[in-house]
Amino acid sequence: MTTMTAREKAIQESFSLRMDEAELLNCMRCGFCLPSCPTYLETGLDESQSPRGRIALMKAVHDGLIAPDDDVEKSLNLCLGCRACEPVCPAGVKYGHLLEEARDIFNDHNEHSAPVKAVRKTVFEGLFPHQNRMEHAVTLLGIYQRSGLQNATRKLGFMKLFPESMQAMERALPAVPKKRDMKNRPRSFSALAEKTATVAFFSGCLMDTMFLETNNATIKLLQKAGCDIVIPDGQNCCGALHGHSGEKDGAKNLAKRNIDAFEKTNADYIITNAGGCGAFLIDYDHLLKDDPEYADRAKAFTAKMKDITQILFELDFHQRIELKMEPQTITYQDSCHLRNVMNTHIAPRALMNAIDGANYREMENADSCCGSAGIYNIVESDMSMQILDHKMEKAKATEAHTIVTANPGCLLQMKLGIEREGLSDKVRAVHIVDLLLEACGELTH
C-alpha cells in the first residue's frame, strides 16, 4: 500500500468498490491495442498514454498499489475515448466502460474552482438537457453570423486575440438556421416510396439546431427509402457529453427520458445520423444495467438502434435510387464511435461507391481519430491539433475534393483542418447524408 492523502484514499476506495475488477483483469497486456491508440503514438510510444497502460493504472489504483494522483487523472483525461482499442482486443475488453467509470469517480471527488464549477453546471445542467435553451444559444450564434457582427469582428482583428485553433474553428462553423426553422418542422413524415419500415428519428441537440439542414436531409433520404418517420416529443440530448466528462448521473437521467420518449413510438428502428450520439445510445443497456426499472427497457431500446447509413444500406437505397454527381474525388473519415462501437463502416463506403461521378479513394488510417472527440479539441487543444495535422496529411494524399464524415464533431474538425491547411477554396467537408441527398439531385444547403 502507498501513502495517500484523504482525497486520494476516498478515490481509491471508490475505485475498489465501483470499478469492474473482472473487466480490469480481462486485459491480457498483449499490446494489440497499442498501434491503434492515437495518444500512444502521438506521445512517442508513452505506455501511460495507451489503453494497456491506462488499464494498468486503473488496476493499480483499484488494488491500492498507487495513489490516484494528478498524473493518473491526466493520463485518463488525455485519452480521446475513441475506443479504437476495442475492436482489436482479442479479450474483448470494454475499455470505454472502464474509462467512463474512472472519470466519473475522479469527478465525484474533485473540488473544482468556482469558475469551472459554474461552467460545468451551465453546460451539463443548464444547457444540453434543455432543447429550447440549445435553440436559444444557437439563435444567438445565428444573429452573430447574419447581423454583420461576424464580419466586423474579423475585419477589426478581434479574433486574433484568441489562439490560432480557435480562430480557425470560428471560421469553420456552419451557417446556422433561424429559430423559426428549428421550431416549425413537423413531427412525422410519410414514405415517398413503397413502405419498408417505420422509424423513430433521434434528432439530437446540436444536430437539430446547428446542423438542422443535415437532419432535414436525413429525413428526406429515409422517405425516399420508403420509411414512415416519427420524431418523438420529449427526446433530449443523448448524454454522451455527460458520460464522457464524469457526469454519469446526468447521463442516466437523459437516457431514461429518451427511453420514455421512444418507447411510445413502437417504431421498427431508432435512427441516428451522428456517430458519437449513436455509440452512446447503443450503450444505454450498459449505462442502466443496475436500474431495476430501466435495465430491460434499455436493452429493448438499444436493440433498435441503427445509423442512417446502415438502414439505407440494408434497404438497398444505393441500388434502388439513382445517385449521380459532378465528377469529383471523395474520401471518408470514419467516425470513431460509429466504427468502433456501432460496427458501421461497410455501409457508408458502399453508399459512396454507388455514386456515379464520385471517385472514391480510401484515406490511409481513415479509422483513426481526427482529434475532435466531443469537446476534446477544446479541453486538450494541443494534442487535438497535433492529431488533426497528421490526419490532414493523410487526407491531402488522397487529392480529394470532398472529405465525407458521419458525425458533427468530425465534420467540424475536418472543416477546421481544411482551414488550417489553407485549402478552403479547394476542398470541402460534408456529412454523408448531405452528400447522398446531393447525389439524389437535391441541394442540401
Protein backbone atom coordinates (compact mmCIF):
# COMPACT_ATOMS: atom_id res chain seq x y z
CA MET A 1 0.00 0.00 0.00
CA THR A 2 1.15 3.55 -0.73
CA THR A 3 0.70 6.67 1.42
CA MET A 4 -2.29 8.73 0.23
CA THR A 5 -4.00 11.98 1.05
CA ALA A 6 -7.56 11.86 2.37
CA ARG A 7 -8.91 12.71 -1.12
CA GLU A 8 -6.74 10.07 -2.80
CA LYS A 9 -7.86 7.48 -0.23
CA ALA A 10 -11.52 8.30 -0.95
CA ILE A 11 -10.91 7.93 -4.69
CA GLN A 12 -9.07 4.64 -4.16
CA GLU A 13 -11.93 3.27 -2.09
CA SER A 14 -14.39 4.26 -4.83
CA PHE A 15 -12.20 2.52 -7.41
CA SER A 16 -12.20 -0.62 -5.24
CA LEU A 17 -16.00 -0.55 -4.90
CA ARG A 18 -17.07 0.63 -8.33
CA MET A 19 -14.54 -0.46 -10.93
CA ASP A 20 -15.29 -3.78 -12.64
CA GLU A 21 -12.38 -5.90 -11.43
CA ALA A 22 -13.23 -8.75 -13.81
CA GLU A 23 -13.04 -6.36 -16.75
CA LEU A 24 -9.75 -4.91 -15.49
CA LEU A 25 -8.35 -8.47 -15.24
CA ASN A 26 -9.66 -9.23 -18.72
CA CYS A 27 -6.78 -7.20 -20.17
CA MET A 28 -4.03 -9.71 -21.05
CA ARG A 29 -1.39 -6.97 -21.54
CA CYS A 30 -0.81 -8.32 -25.05
CA GLY A 31 -0.33 -4.88 -26.61
CA PHE A 32 -2.56 -5.40 -29.66
CA CYS A 33 -4.21 -2.10 -28.75
CA LEU A 34 -1.03 -0.04 -28.92
CA PRO A 35 -0.83 0.60 -32.71
CA SER A 36 -4.49 1.68 -32.72
CA CYS A 37 -4.14 4.28 -29.95
CA PRO A 38 -3.61 7.86 -31.17
CA THR A 39 -2.26 9.24 -27.88
CA TYR A 40 0.23 6.37 -27.52
CA LEU A 41 1.56 7.12 -31.00
CA GLU A 42 1.48 10.91 -30.68
CA THR A 43 3.36 10.90 -27.35
CA GLY A 44 6.22 8.85 -28.76
CA LEU A 45 5.04 5.45 -27.51
CA ASP A 46 4.40 6.53 -23.90
CA GLU A 47 2.94 3.43 -22.24
CA SER A 48 0.94 5.50 -19.74
CA GLN A 49 -0.91 7.07 -22.68
CA SER A 50 -2.02 3.72 -24.08
CA PRO A 51 -5.12 1.61 -23.30
CA ARG A 52 -2.95 -1.10 -21.76
CA GLY A 53 -1.12 1.44 -19.65
CA ARG A 54 -4.30 3.19 -18.52
CA ILE A 55 -5.92 -0.10 -17.54
CA ALA A 56 -2.77 -0.95 -15.55
CA LEU A 57 -3.09 2.40 -13.76
CA MET A 58 -6.78 1.78 -13.02
CA LYS A 59 -5.99 -1.70 -11.66
CA ALA A 60 -3.13 -0.38 -9.52
CA VAL A 61 -5.40 2.29 -8.04
CA HIS A 62 -8.14 -0.31 -7.52
CA ASP A 63 -5.68 -2.52 -5.59
CA GLY A 64 -4.23 0.39 -3.58
CA LEU A 65 -0.77 -0.05 -5.11
CA ILE A 66 -0.52 3.54 -6.32
CA ALA A 67 -2.20 6.80 -5.34
CA PRO A 68 -4.82 8.20 -7.73
CA ASP A 69 -2.81 11.38 -8.13
CA ASP A 70 -2.80 14.12 -10.76
CA ASP A 71 -0.63 12.06 -13.12
CA VAL A 72 -3.18 9.23 -13.18
CA GLU A 73 -6.04 11.65 -13.78
CA LYS A 74 -4.11 13.43 -16.55
CA SER A 75 -3.47 10.12 -18.28
CA LEU A 76 -7.18 9.30 -18.23
CA ASN A 77 -8.16 12.79 -19.40
CA LEU A 78 -5.71 12.77 -22.31
CA CYS A 79 -7.46 9.70 -23.69
CA LEU A 80 -9.70 10.59 -26.65
CA GLY A 81 -12.19 7.87 -25.76
CA CYS A 82 -12.20 6.84 -29.43
CA ARG A 83 -12.36 3.16 -28.43
CA ALA A 84 -10.22 2.07 -31.37
CA CYS A 85 -8.60 -0.35 -28.92
CA GLU A 86 -11.81 -2.37 -28.51
CA PRO A 87 -12.21 -3.96 -31.98
CA VAL A 88 -8.56 -5.14 -31.97
CA CYS A 89 -8.63 -6.54 -28.42
CA PRO A 90 -8.59 -10.37 -28.50
CA ALA A 91 -10.07 -10.46 -24.99
CA GLY A 92 -12.88 -8.07 -25.85
CA VAL A 93 -12.10 -5.63 -23.04
CA LYS A 94 -14.73 -2.90 -22.79
CA TYR A 95 -12.18 -0.14 -22.30
CA GLY A 96 -14.69 2.66 -22.87
CA HIS A 97 -16.83 1.48 -19.95
CA LEU A 98 -13.79 1.36 -17.67
CA LEU A 99 -12.66 4.82 -18.74
CA GLU A 100 -16.05 6.44 -18.13
CA GLU A 101 -16.39 4.88 -14.67
CA ALA A 102 -12.88 6.00 -13.69
CA ARG A 103 -13.52 9.55 -14.90
CA ASP A 104 -16.81 9.64 -13.03
CA ILE A 105 -15.08 8.60 -9.80
CA PHE A 106 -12.45 11.32 -10.16
CA ASN A 107 -15.12 13.91 -10.90
CA ASP A 108 -17.10 12.88 -7.80
CA HIS A 109 -14.10 13.77 -5.65
CA ASN A 110 -12.81 16.83 -7.49
CA GLU A 111 -13.05 20.24 -5.86
CA HIS A 112 -13.49 22.40 -8.95
CA SER A 113 -12.74 26.11 -8.77
CA ALA A 114 -15.75 28.43 -8.72
CA PRO A 115 -15.40 29.39 -12.44
CA VAL A 116 -15.01 25.75 -13.55
CA LYS A 117 -17.91 24.68 -11.35
CA ALA A 118 -20.08 27.41 -12.86
CA VAL A 119 -19.17 26.43 -16.43
CA ARG A 120 -19.84 22.74 -15.78
CA LYS A 121 -23.17 23.49 -14.13
CA THR A 122 -24.19 25.74 -17.04
CA VAL A 123 -23.20 23.20 -19.69
CA PHE A 124 -24.28 19.94 -18.07
CA GLU A 125 -27.36 21.11 -16.18
CA GLY A 126 -28.44 24.39 -17.72
CA LEU A 127 -27.89 23.94 -21.46
CA PHE A 128 -27.62 20.47 -23.01
CA PRO A 129 -30.54 18.82 -21.16
CA HIS A 130 -32.90 21.56 -22.38
CA GLN A 131 -33.50 21.67 -26.13
CA ASN A 132 -35.23 25.05 -26.01
CA ARG A 133 -32.12 26.56 -24.43
CA MET A 134 -29.96 24.94 -27.09
CA GLU A 135 -32.17 26.63 -29.68
CA HIS A 136 -31.75 29.99 -27.94
CA ALA A 137 -27.96 29.59 -27.82
CA VAL A 138 -27.71 28.66 -31.50
CA THR A 139 -30.06 31.53 -32.36
CA LEU A 140 -27.57 33.94 -30.75
CA LEU A 141 -24.83 32.41 -32.90
CA GLY A 142 -27.04 32.96 -35.94
CA ILE A 143 -27.52 36.61 -35.02
CA TYR A 144 -23.75 36.95 -34.73
CA GLN A 145 -23.34 35.44 -38.20
CA ARG A 146 -26.13 37.29 -40.01
CA SER A 147 -26.09 40.72 -38.37
CA GLY A 148 -22.71 41.76 -39.73
CA LEU A 149 -21.08 41.34 -36.33
CA GLN A 150 -19.07 38.37 -37.55
CA ASN A 151 -17.64 40.34 -40.48
CA ALA A 152 -16.91 43.31 -38.26
CA THR A 153 -15.18 41.12 -35.69
CA ARG A 154 -12.95 39.64 -38.36
CA LYS A 155 -12.13 42.97 -40.03
CA LEU A 156 -11.23 44.58 -36.70
CA GLY A 157 -8.89 41.70 -35.93
CA PHE A 158 -10.69 40.86 -32.69
CA MET A 159 -10.35 37.12 -33.32
CA LYS A 160 -6.57 37.50 -33.34
CA LEU A 161 -6.80 37.79 -29.55
CA PHE A 162 -7.67 34.09 -29.48
CA PRO A 163 -5.42 31.07 -30.17
CA GLU A 164 -4.99 30.13 -33.83
CA SER A 165 -7.05 26.97 -33.40
CA MET A 166 -9.98 28.99 -32.03
CA GLN A 167 -9.72 31.45 -34.93
CA ALA A 168 -9.89 28.62 -37.44
CA MET A 169 -12.74 27.00 -35.53
CA GLU A 170 -14.77 30.21 -35.71
CA ARG A 171 -14.27 30.31 -39.48
CA ALA A 172 -15.27 26.65 -39.79
CA LEU A 173 -18.64 26.99 -38.04
CA PRO A 174 -21.59 26.31 -40.34
CA ALA A 175 -24.23 28.94 -41.12
CA VAL A 176 -26.87 28.16 -38.51
CA PRO A 177 -30.64 28.18 -39.16
CA LYS A 178 -33.12 30.72 -37.91
CA LYS A 179 -35.13 29.92 -34.80
CA ARG A 180 -38.41 29.66 -36.71
CA ASP A 181 -36.89 26.94 -38.89
CA MET A 182 -35.93 24.98 -35.78
CA LYS A 183 -39.45 25.33 -34.36
CA ASN A 184 -41.64 24.76 -37.42
CA ARG A 185 -40.65 21.28 -38.59
CA PRO A 186 -43.39 18.58 -38.45
CA ARG A 187 -43.02 15.64 -36.07
CA SER A 188 -43.97 12.95 -38.59
CA PHE A 189 -43.35 12.22 -42.27
CA SER A 190 -44.73 9.66 -44.71
CA ALA A 191 -42.70 7.43 -47.01
CA LEU A 192 -42.24 8.65 -50.59
CA ALA A 193 -41.85 5.09 -51.92
CA GLU A 194 -43.32 1.70 -51.11
CA LYS A 195 -43.23 1.45 -47.34
CA THR A 196 -40.32 -0.54 -45.94
CA ALA A 197 -40.28 0.41 -42.25
CA THR A 198 -41.47 2.79 -39.56
CA VAL A 199 -38.54 4.55 -37.93
CA ALA A 200 -38.16 6.90 -34.99
CA PHE A 201 -35.55 9.57 -35.63
CA PHE A 202 -33.20 10.63 -32.85
CA SER A 203 -32.74 14.25 -33.87
CA GLY A 204 -30.15 15.19 -31.23
CA CYS A 205 -29.36 18.51 -29.59
CA LEU A 206 -26.63 20.04 -31.78
CA MET A 207 -27.81 18.16 -34.84
CA ASP A 208 -31.32 19.62 -34.53
CA THR A 209 -30.02 23.16 -34.11
CA MET A 210 -26.63 23.91 -35.64
CA PHE A 211 -26.95 21.07 -38.17
CA LEU A 212 -30.68 21.27 -38.80
CA GLU A 213 -30.28 21.05 -42.58
CA THR A 214 -28.41 17.77 -42.21
CA ASN A 215 -31.29 16.45 -40.12
CA ASN A 216 -33.71 17.58 -42.82
CA ALA A 217 -31.59 15.78 -45.42
CA THR A 218 -31.71 12.64 -43.26
CA ILE A 219 -35.50 12.76 -43.20
CA LYS A 220 -35.67 13.13 -46.99
CA LEU A 221 -33.37 10.14 -47.52
CA LEU A 222 -35.43 7.99 -45.17
CA GLN A 223 -38.61 8.99 -47.02
CA LYS A 224 -37.02 8.06 -50.35
CA ALA A 225 -36.04 4.72 -48.81
CA GLY A 226 -39.69 4.02 -48.02
CA CYS A 227 -39.72 4.87 -44.33
CA ASP A 228 -42.51 6.43 -42.34
CA ILE A 229 -40.79 8.68 -39.79
CA VAL A 230 -41.75 9.93 -36.37
CA ILE A 231 -39.68 12.42 -34.34
CA PRO A 232 -40.76 11.81 -30.73
CA ASP A 233 -41.59 14.70 -28.45
CA GLY A 234 -39.75 14.54 -25.16
CA GLN A 235 -36.44 13.30 -26.55
CA ASN A 236 -33.33 15.20 -25.49
CA CYS A 237 -29.53 15.13 -25.58
CA CYS A 238 -28.18 11.57 -25.72
CA GLY A 239 -25.96 12.16 -22.66
CA ALA A 240 -22.63 11.41 -24.36
CA LEU A 241 -21.06 14.69 -23.28
CA HIS A 242 -22.07 13.97 -19.69
CA GLY A 243 -20.93 10.35 -19.78
CA HIS A 244 -17.52 11.17 -21.23
CA SER A 245 -16.96 14.04 -18.76
CA GLY A 246 -17.58 12.30 -15.45
CA GLU A 247 -21.25 13.31 -15.15
CA LYS A 248 -22.70 9.80 -15.13
CA ASP A 249 -25.83 10.59 -13.12
CA GLY A 250 -26.76 13.30 -15.61
CA ALA A 251 -26.22 10.86 -18.47
CA LYS A 252 -28.51 8.31 -16.80
CA ASN A 253 -31.29 10.86 -16.37
CA LEU A 254 -31.09 11.84 -20.04
CA ALA A 255 -31.07 8.18 -21.08
CA LYS A 256 -34.24 7.47 -19.11
CA ARG A 257 -36.04 10.43 -20.68
CA ASN A 258 -35.07 9.24 -24.16
CA ILE A 259 -36.24 5.69 -23.47
CA ASP A 260 -39.57 7.06 -22.20
CA ALA A 261 -39.98 9.14 -25.36
CA PHE A 262 -39.06 6.45 -27.89
CA GLU A 263 -40.99 3.59 -26.29
CA LYS A 264 -44.23 5.33 -27.20
CA THR A 265 -43.47 5.20 -30.94
CA ASN A 266 -43.43 1.39 -31.38
CA ALA A 267 -41.08 2.00 -34.31
CA ASP A 268 -39.19 -0.79 -36.05
CA TYR A 269 -35.90 1.07 -35.71
CA ILE A 270 -34.42 4.09 -33.97
CA ILE A 271 -32.23 6.05 -36.38
CA THR A 272 -29.39 8.44 -35.64
CA ASN A 273 -27.12 10.36 -38.01
CA ALA A 274 -24.38 11.21 -35.52
CA GLY A 275 -21.81 8.53 -34.75
CA GLY A 276 -20.98 9.93 -31.33
CA CYS A 277 -24.62 10.01 -30.27
CA GLY A 278 -25.32 6.59 -31.72
CA ALA A 279 -22.48 4.95 -29.82
CA PHE A 280 -23.72 6.34 -26.51
CA LEU A 281 -27.35 5.50 -27.27
CA ILE A 282 -26.47 1.91 -28.12
CA ASP A 283 -24.67 1.65 -24.76
CA TYR A 284 -27.77 2.54 -22.74
CA ASP A 285 -28.12 -1.12 -21.78
CA HIS A 286 -24.75 -0.90 -20.01
CA LEU A 287 -25.39 2.54 -18.55
CA LEU A 288 -28.66 1.40 -16.94
CA LYS A 289 -27.78 -2.24 -16.28
CA ASP A 290 -28.24 -1.84 -12.50
CA ASP A 291 -31.52 0.08 -12.72
CA PRO A 292 -34.41 -2.34 -11.97
CA GLU A 293 -36.96 -0.15 -13.75
CA TYR A 294 -34.95 0.60 -16.90
CA ALA A 295 -32.47 -2.27 -17.43
CA ASP A 296 -34.74 -4.38 -19.67
CA ARG A 297 -36.24 -1.31 -21.33
CA ALA A 298 -32.74 -0.10 -22.18
CA LYS A 299 -31.96 -3.44 -23.84
CA ALA A 300 -35.09 -3.14 -25.98
CA PHE A 301 -34.12 0.43 -26.89
CA THR A 302 -30.57 -0.41 -27.94
CA ALA A 303 -31.73 -3.41 -29.99
CA LYS A 304 -33.50 -0.98 -32.35
CA MET A 305 -30.57 1.43 -32.82
CA LYS A 306 -29.14 1.92 -36.32
CA ASP A 307 -27.09 4.59 -38.01
CA ILE A 308 -28.68 6.26 -41.05
CA THR A 309 -26.06 4.72 -43.37
CA GLN A 310 -26.75 1.23 -42.05
CA ILE A 311 -30.51 1.41 -42.55
CA LEU A 312 -30.10 2.87 -46.06
CA PHE A 313 -27.65 0.10 -46.92
CA GLU A 314 -29.94 -2.62 -45.57
CA LEU A 315 -32.89 -1.20 -47.51
CA ASP A 316 -30.80 -1.26 -50.74
CA PHE A 317 -31.15 2.50 -51.11
CA HIS A 318 -27.99 2.67 -53.24
CA GLN A 319 -29.39 0.08 -55.65
CA ARG A 320 -32.93 1.42 -55.90
CA ILE A 321 -32.15 5.16 -56.16
CA GLU A 322 -30.02 6.70 -58.91
CA LEU A 323 -27.10 8.52 -57.31
CA LYS A 324 -25.15 10.90 -59.52
CA MET A 325 -22.97 13.98 -59.13
CA GLU A 326 -20.41 16.12 -60.92
CA PRO A 327 -17.11 14.23 -61.31
CA GLN A 328 -15.01 14.61 -58.18
CA THR A 329 -12.71 12.66 -55.90
CA ILE A 330 -14.10 11.93 -52.46
CA THR A 331 -12.65 10.31 -49.35
CA TYR A 332 -14.08 9.30 -45.99
CA GLN A 333 -13.06 9.88 -42.39
CA ASP A 334 -14.64 7.29 -40.11
CA SER A 335 -16.48 8.42 -37.02
CA CYS A 336 -14.57 6.51 -34.33
CA HIS A 337 -17.68 5.67 -32.34
CA LEU A 338 -19.68 4.73 -35.42
CA ARG A 339 -16.98 2.27 -36.46
CA ASN A 340 -15.65 1.03 -33.12
CA VAL A 341 -18.87 0.86 -31.11
CA MET A 342 -21.70 0.58 -33.66
CA ASN A 343 -19.53 -1.51 -36.03
CA THR A 344 -20.72 0.53 -39.01
CA HIS A 345 -18.06 1.07 -41.66
CA ILE A 346 -19.04 -1.05 -44.67
CA ALA A 347 -22.38 0.70 -45.22
CA PRO A 348 -21.11 4.28 -45.71
CA ARG A 349 -18.43 3.13 -48.14
CA ALA A 350 -20.92 1.08 -50.15
CA LEU A 351 -23.22 4.08 -50.44
CA MET A 352 -20.43 6.40 -51.57
CA ASN A 353 -19.09 3.90 -54.07
CA ALA A 354 -22.55 3.72 -55.64
CA ILE A 355 -22.48 7.41 -56.64
CA ASP A 356 -21.93 7.86 -60.37
CA GLY A 357 -19.29 10.56 -60.84
CA ALA A 358 -17.69 10.10 -57.44
CA ASN A 359 -14.17 8.70 -57.50
CA TYR A 360 -13.82 7.22 -54.02
CA ARG A 361 -10.30 6.98 -52.60
CA GLU A 362 -9.76 5.34 -49.23
CA MET A 363 -7.77 7.53 -46.86
CA GLU A 364 -4.85 5.86 -45.10
CA ASN A 365 -5.77 5.33 -41.44
CA ALA A 366 -9.31 6.55 -42.07
CA ASP A 367 -10.28 4.56 -38.98
CA SER A 368 -8.01 6.58 -36.66
CA CYS A 369 -9.39 9.51 -34.68
CA CYS A 370 -9.39 13.01 -36.15
CA GLY A 371 -8.91 14.58 -32.71
CA SER A 372 -12.40 16.01 -32.24
CA ALA A 373 -13.70 13.59 -29.60
CA GLY A 374 -16.59 15.71 -28.32
CA ILE A 375 -15.07 18.71 -26.55
CA TYR A 376 -11.55 17.22 -26.56
CA ASN A 377 -10.43 19.77 -29.18
CA ILE A 378 -11.26 22.47 -26.65
CA VAL A 379 -10.01 20.97 -23.38
CA GLU A 380 -6.97 19.19 -24.88
CA SER A 381 -6.35 21.52 -27.80
CA ASP A 382 -2.62 20.86 -28.30
CA MET A 383 -2.99 17.10 -28.64
CA SER A 384 -6.14 17.52 -30.74
CA MET A 385 -4.37 19.81 -33.22
CA GLN A 386 -1.35 17.50 -33.37
CA ILE A 387 -3.62 14.59 -34.29
CA LEU A 388 -5.56 16.75 -36.77
CA ASP A 389 -2.42 17.93 -38.55
CA HIS A 390 -1.35 14.32 -39.11
CA LYS A 391 -4.88 13.44 -40.23
CA MET A 392 -4.80 16.22 -42.83
CA GLU A 393 -1.55 14.81 -44.24
CA LYS A 394 -3.45 11.58 -44.97
CA ALA A 395 -6.45 13.49 -46.36
CA LYS A 396 -4.31 15.58 -48.71
CA ALA A 397 -2.60 12.44 -50.01
CA THR A 398 -5.95 11.28 -51.45
CA GLU A 399 -6.21 14.51 -53.51
CA ALA A 400 -9.91 14.52 -52.63
CA HIS A 401 -12.15 17.48 -53.39
CA THR A 402 -14.63 16.32 -50.74
CA ILE A 403 -13.95 14.84 -47.30
CA VAL A 404 -17.00 12.97 -46.05
CA THR A 405 -17.81 12.30 -42.38
CA ALA A 406 -20.71 10.83 -40.41
CA ASN A 407 -20.60 12.83 -37.18
CA PRO A 408 -20.94 16.57 -36.44
CA GLY A 409 -17.81 16.74 -34.31
CA CYS A 410 -15.74 15.04 -37.01
CA LEU A 411 -17.29 17.35 -39.61
CA LEU A 412 -16.29 20.48 -37.72
CA GLN A 413 -12.83 19.05 -37.04
CA MET A 414 -12.24 18.30 -40.72
CA LYS A 415 -13.50 21.78 -41.65
CA LEU A 416 -11.04 23.12 -39.09
CA GLY A 417 -8.26 21.06 -40.67
CA ILE A 418 -9.13 22.42 -44.11
CA GLU A 419 -8.96 25.96 -42.73
CA ARG A 420 -5.63 25.34 -41.00
CA GLU A 421 -4.18 23.97 -44.25
CA GLY A 422 -5.46 26.94 -46.29
CA LEU A 423 -7.49 24.66 -48.54
CA SER A 424 -10.97 26.12 -48.06
CA ASP A 425 -11.15 27.23 -51.72
CA LYS A 426 -10.24 23.73 -52.99
CA VAL A 427 -11.59 21.17 -50.51
CA ARG A 428 -14.87 20.84 -48.64
CA ALA A 429 -16.04 18.65 -45.77
CA VAL A 430 -19.63 17.35 -45.77
CA HIS A 431 -21.81 15.00 -43.76
CA ILE A 432 -22.56 11.82 -45.69
CA VAL A 433 -26.33 12.40 -45.73
CA ASP A 434 -25.81 15.80 -47.34
CA LEU A 435 -23.61 14.15 -49.95
CA LEU A 436 -26.20 11.47 -50.64
CA LEU A 437 -29.05 13.96 -50.98
CA GLU A 438 -26.87 15.99 -53.33
CA ALA A 439 -26.33 12.80 -55.34
CA CYS A 440 -30.12 12.42 -55.50
CA GLY A 441 -30.20 15.74 -57.34
CA GLU A 442 -31.32 17.90 -54.41
CA LEU A 443 -29.49 20.84 -52.88
CA THR A 444 -28.98 20.42 -49.16
CA HIS A 445 -27.81 23.86 -48.04
